[in-house]
Amino acid sequence: MTSPDIDPADMTLPEVRAHLAPAIAANAAFDGWGDAARDMAADGAGVDRDVAALAFDGGAVAMIDAWFAHVDAHMARACPPDMLSAMKIRARITALVEARLDAMAQDREALRRALAVLALPQNLLRGAKLGWRSADAMWRAAGDTATDYNHYTKRAMLLGVYAATTTVFLDDDSEGQADTRAFLSRRIDDIMRIEKAKAGALKRTRHRPSLSRFVGRLRYPVV
């Protein structure tokens, strides 16, 4: 986010994107992710419309990208490292997902429209990248430092959980999104069971004969 003390005329293009993103999302619920939503946000913030158009020269997808980045930033502020460090991993992931959903709770229709835009054939790759970025941001905030295949499997599983939870969230009229939170809890339980099973499998196979290790020793004998 940008400081409220910055003169809009002095903002860089990244600052303009960050500053306008939440207002564009609020407008997109009624006007869609188009020029009208962007121009209204620019007028409200005192940003020149032409500058706003330049900042979002990628159109609707660029606006959605900026809003998702805004949601990432909200999540980071709502779940600072000192808070997460006192939690178990399951609670960390739950808190991070819920923080993202809380950030979008007032703009669910904008989110629905954003997902429809990203589902268009020409936007599928960009949508996948944005989803992966969100999953990666959550795991990194949770303290994950895996660099092997676990780096990818963890993010793929969380992305699936997040996508499914978002679908429930969009139509959840329960008090405090209780239905969404219950659904999320069940899905995270599934992830934890899978991770526990993977850890057990790796432990059981750690000392089994390995053809690759055997061949390696033939090629590079221990001296």
Protein backbone atom coordinates (compact mmCIF):
# COMPACT_ATOMS: atom_id res chain seq x y z
CA MET A 1 0.00 0.00 0.00
CA THR A 2 1.07 3.60 -0.52
CA SER A 3 1.27 6.26 2.15
CA PRO A 4 -1.79 8.56 2.28
CA ASP A 5 0.67 11.47 2.49
CA ILE A 6 2.05 10.87 -1.02
CA ASP A 7 0.81 13.32 -3.64
CA PRO A 8 -0.88 11.26 -6.39
CA ALA A 9 1.04 13.30 -8.95
CA ASP A 10 4.33 12.04 -7.45
CA MET A 11 3.43 8.34 -7.40
CA THR A 12 5.36 5.85 -9.47
CA LEU A 13 3.34 3.45 -11.63
CA PRO A 14 3.77 0.57 -9.12
CA GLU A 15 2.53 2.93 -6.38
CA VAL A 16 -0.45 3.92 -8.52
CA ARG A 17 -1.32 0.23 -9.02
CA ALA A 18 -1.05 -0.51 -5.31
CA HIS A 19 -3.02 2.61 -4.38
CA LEU A 20 -5.89 2.07 -6.80
CA ALA A 21 -6.23 -1.72 -6.64
CA PRO A 22 -8.68 -1.97 -3.70
CA ALA A 23 -10.87 0.83 -5.05
CA ILE A 24 -10.96 -0.77 -8.49
CA ALA A 25 -12.07 -4.03 -6.87
CA ALA A 26 -14.86 -2.24 -5.03
CA ASN A 27 -16.04 -0.71 -8.30
CA ALA A 28 -15.64 -3.95 -10.25
CA ALA A 29 -18.44 -5.55 -8.25
CA PHE A 30 -20.83 -3.25 -10.15
CA ASP A 31 -18.98 -2.18 -13.28
CA GLY A 32 -16.80 -5.20 -14.00
CA TRP A 33 -13.02 -5.20 -14.39
CA GLY A 34 -12.90 -2.53 -17.06
CA ASP A 35 -12.10 1.09 -17.80
CA ALA A 36 -15.08 2.41 -15.84
CA ALA A 37 -13.95 0.78 -12.57
CA ARG A 38 -10.40 2.01 -13.11
CA ASP A 39 -11.43 5.58 -13.98
CA MET A 40 -13.77 5.87 -11.00
CA ALA A 41 -10.98 4.68 -8.68
CA ALA A 42 -8.57 7.18 -10.24
CA ASP A 43 -11.03 10.05 -9.84
CA GLY A 44 -11.63 9.15 -6.21
CA ALA A 45 -7.91 9.09 -5.47
CA GLY A 46 -7.02 12.19 -7.43
CA VAL A 47 -4.96 10.23 -9.94
CA ASP A 48 -4.98 11.34 -13.56
CA ARG A 49 -7.01 8.91 -15.67
CA ASP A 50 -4.31 8.66 -18.31
CA VAL A 51 -1.73 7.75 -15.65
CA ALA A 52 -4.08 5.10 -14.29
CA ALA A 53 -4.59 3.70 -17.79
CA LEU A 54 -0.81 3.49 -18.22
CA ALA A 55 -0.41 1.79 -14.83
CA PHE A 56 -2.93 -0.86 -15.85
CA ASP A 57 -2.03 -1.15 -19.53
CA GLY A 58 -2.64 -4.90 -19.27
CA GLY A 59 -6.35 -4.27 -18.85
CA ALA A 60 -8.59 -6.35 -16.60
CA VAL A 61 -5.94 -8.97 -15.83
CA ALA A 62 -3.47 -6.28 -14.73
CA MET A 63 -6.11 -4.83 -12.38
CA ILE A 64 -6.87 -8.27 -10.95
CA ASP A 65 -3.15 -8.96 -10.54
CA ALA A 66 -2.76 -5.73 -8.55
CA TRP A 67 -5.77 -6.55 -6.37
CA PHE A 68 -4.45 -10.03 -5.60
CA ALA A 69 -1.11 -8.42 -4.66
CA HIS A 70 -3.06 -6.12 -2.35
CA VAL A 71 -4.67 -9.19 -0.77
CA ASP A 72 -1.21 -10.74 -0.31
CA ALA A 73 -0.08 -7.60 1.49
CA HIS A 74 -3.18 -7.62 3.71
CA MET A 75 -2.50 -11.24 4.58
CA ALA A 76 1.09 -10.44 5.55
CA ARG A 77 -0.02 -7.62 7.83
CA ALA A 78 -2.79 -9.69 9.42
CA CYS A 79 -0.44 -12.63 10.05
CA PRO A 80 2.96 -11.22 11.08
CA PRO A 81 5.87 -13.63 11.63
CA ASP A 82 5.83 -13.30 15.42
CA MET A 83 2.19 -14.39 15.50
CA LEU A 84 2.66 -17.31 13.11
CA SER A 85 5.81 -18.55 14.85
CA ALA A 86 3.77 -19.36 17.96
CA MET A 87 1.41 -21.60 15.95
CA LYS A 88 1.62 -25.13 14.63
CA ILE A 89 1.78 -25.42 10.85
CA ARG A 90 -1.89 -26.35 10.50
CA ALA A 91 -2.96 -23.22 12.40
CA ARG A 92 -0.58 -21.08 10.34
CA ILE A 93 -2.05 -22.19 7.03
CA THR A 94 -5.58 -21.78 8.36
CA ALA A 95 -4.86 -18.25 9.58
CA LEU A 96 -3.25 -17.27 6.28
CA VAL A 97 -6.11 -18.55 4.12
CA GLU A 98 -8.70 -16.95 6.38
CA ALA A 99 -6.81 -13.64 6.28
CA ARG A 100 -6.99 -13.69 2.48
CA LEU A 101 -10.69 -14.42 2.52
CA ASP A 102 -11.31 -11.70 5.11
CA ALA A 103 -9.55 -9.22 2.82
CA MET A 104 -12.00 -10.07 0.02
CA ALA A 105 -15.15 -10.48 2.11
CA GLN A 106 -16.53 -7.07 1.13
CA ASP A 107 -15.77 -7.65 -2.54
CA ARG A 108 -17.02 -11.15 -3.20
CA GLU A 109 -18.83 -10.12 -6.36
CA ALA A 110 -15.62 -8.53 -7.64
CA LEU A 111 -13.84 -11.81 -6.89
CA ARG A 112 -16.50 -13.77 -8.75
CA ARG A 113 -16.05 -11.51 -11.76
CA ALA A 114 -12.26 -11.71 -11.49
CA LEU A 115 -12.34 -15.51 -11.56
CA ALA A 116 -14.60 -15.39 -14.61
CA VAL A 117 -12.07 -13.15 -16.38
CA LEU A 118 -9.18 -15.44 -15.48
CA ALA A 119 -11.14 -18.47 -16.70
CA LEU A 120 -11.19 -17.12 -20.25
CA PRO A 121 -8.97 -19.21 -22.55
CA GLN A 122 -6.55 -16.36 -23.23
CA ASN A 123 -6.10 -15.76 -19.48
CA LEU A 124 -5.77 -19.32 -18.17
CA LEU A 125 -1.97 -19.27 -17.97
CA ARG A 126 -1.92 -15.91 -16.19
CA GLY A 127 -4.63 -17.09 -13.82
CA ALA A 128 -2.62 -20.21 -12.98
CA LYS A 129 0.44 -18.08 -12.26
CA LEU A 130 -1.54 -15.80 -9.96
CA GLY A 131 -2.96 -18.78 -8.10
CA TRP A 132 0.50 -20.28 -7.71
CA ARG A 133 1.81 -16.93 -6.45
CA SER A 134 -0.85 -16.89 -3.75
CA ALA A 135 -0.10 -20.46 -2.66
CA ASP A 136 3.63 -19.72 -2.60
CA ALA A 137 3.06 -16.55 -0.55
CA MET A 138 1.09 -18.53 2.03
CA TRP A 139 3.65 -21.31 2.37
CA ARG A 140 6.53 -18.84 2.60
CA ALA A 141 4.70 -16.86 5.27
CA ALA A 142 4.11 -20.15 7.10
CA GLY A 143 7.87 -20.69 7.18
CA ASP A 144 8.24 -23.33 4.49
CA THR A 145 11.78 -23.54 3.10
CA ALA A 146 11.51 -26.75 1.06
CA THR A 147 13.44 -26.72 -2.21
CA ASP A 148 12.90 -30.32 -3.34
CA TYR A 149 9.73 -31.81 -4.84
CA ASN A 150 7.92 -30.99 -1.57
CA HIS A 151 8.13 -27.31 -2.56
CA TYR A 152 5.85 -28.04 -5.51
CA THR A 153 3.56 -30.65 -3.97
CA LYS A 154 2.79 -28.48 -0.96
CA ARG A 155 1.87 -25.53 -3.13
CA ALA A 156 -0.17 -27.62 -5.53
CA MET A 157 -2.17 -29.12 -2.67
CA LEU A 158 -2.73 -25.75 -1.00
CA LEU A 159 -3.75 -24.20 -4.31
CA GLY A 160 -6.39 -26.91 -4.71
CA VAL A 161 -7.65 -26.34 -1.18
CA TYR A 162 -7.69 -22.57 -1.63
CA ALA A 163 -9.55 -22.79 -4.94
CA ALA A 164 -12.18 -25.14 -3.51
CA THR A 165 -12.58 -23.00 -0.38
CA THR A 166 -12.98 -19.88 -2.50
CA THR A 167 -15.83 -21.55 -4.37
CA VAL A 168 -17.63 -22.17 -1.07
CA PHE A 169 -16.77 -18.67 0.14
CA LEU A 170 -18.40 -16.98 -2.85
CA ASP A 171 -21.86 -18.27 -1.93
CA ASP A 172 -21.49 -18.48 1.85
CA ASP A 173 -24.21 -16.53 3.68
CA SER A 174 -23.52 -18.07 7.08
CA GLU A 175 -22.61 -15.90 10.05
CA GLY A 176 -18.94 -14.94 9.85
CA GLN A 177 -18.50 -17.33 6.89
CA ALA A 178 -18.75 -20.22 9.32
CA ASP A 179 -19.47 -22.70 6.54
CA THR A 180 -16.37 -21.62 4.64
CA ARG A 181 -14.19 -21.92 7.74
CA ALA A 182 -15.54 -25.39 8.48
CA PHE A 183 -14.91 -26.47 4.88
CA LEU A 184 -11.37 -25.07 5.04
CA SER A 185 -10.70 -26.91 8.29
CA ARG A 186 -11.70 -30.23 6.73
CA ARG A 187 -9.55 -29.65 3.64
CA ILE A 188 -6.51 -28.69 5.70
CA ASP A 189 -7.01 -31.85 7.76
CA ASP A 190 -6.73 -33.73 4.46
CA ILE A 191 -3.43 -31.99 3.66
CA MET A 192 -2.02 -32.80 7.08
CA ARG A 193 -2.93 -36.47 6.69
CA ILE A 194 -1.24 -36.59 3.30
CA GLU A 195 1.89 -34.89 4.63
CA LYS A 196 1.99 -37.30 7.57
CA ALA A 197 1.63 -40.28 5.23
CA LYS A 198 4.41 -38.93 2.97
CA ALA A 199 6.73 -38.48 5.94
CA GLY A 200 6.03 -42.03 7.09
CA ALA A 201 6.65 -43.46 3.65
CA LEU A 202 9.95 -41.63 3.32
CA LYS A 203 11.03 -42.83 6.75
CA ARG A 204 10.23 -46.45 5.88
CA THR A 205 12.13 -46.35 2.58
CA ARG A 206 15.14 -44.36 3.78
CA HIS A 207 17.26 -47.41 4.53
CA ARG A 208 16.06 -49.69 1.76
CA PRO A 209 18.56 -50.75 -0.93
CA SER A 210 18.80 -48.11 -3.64
CA LEU A 211 19.86 -49.00 -7.18
CA SER A 212 21.01 -45.44 -7.82
CA ARG A 213 23.17 -45.44 -4.68
CA PHE A 214 24.61 -48.85 -5.62
CA VAL A 215 25.52 -47.71 -9.14
CA GLY A 216 26.97 -44.52 -7.73
CA ARG A 217 29.25 -46.47 -5.43
CA LEU A 218 30.42 -48.62 -8.34
CA ARG A 219 31.29 -45.51 -10.28
CA TYR A 220 32.71 -43.59 -7.33
CA PRO A 221 33.93 -46.22 -4.84
CA VAL A 222 34.55 -45.17 -1.28
CA VAL A 223 38.28 -45.14 -0.59
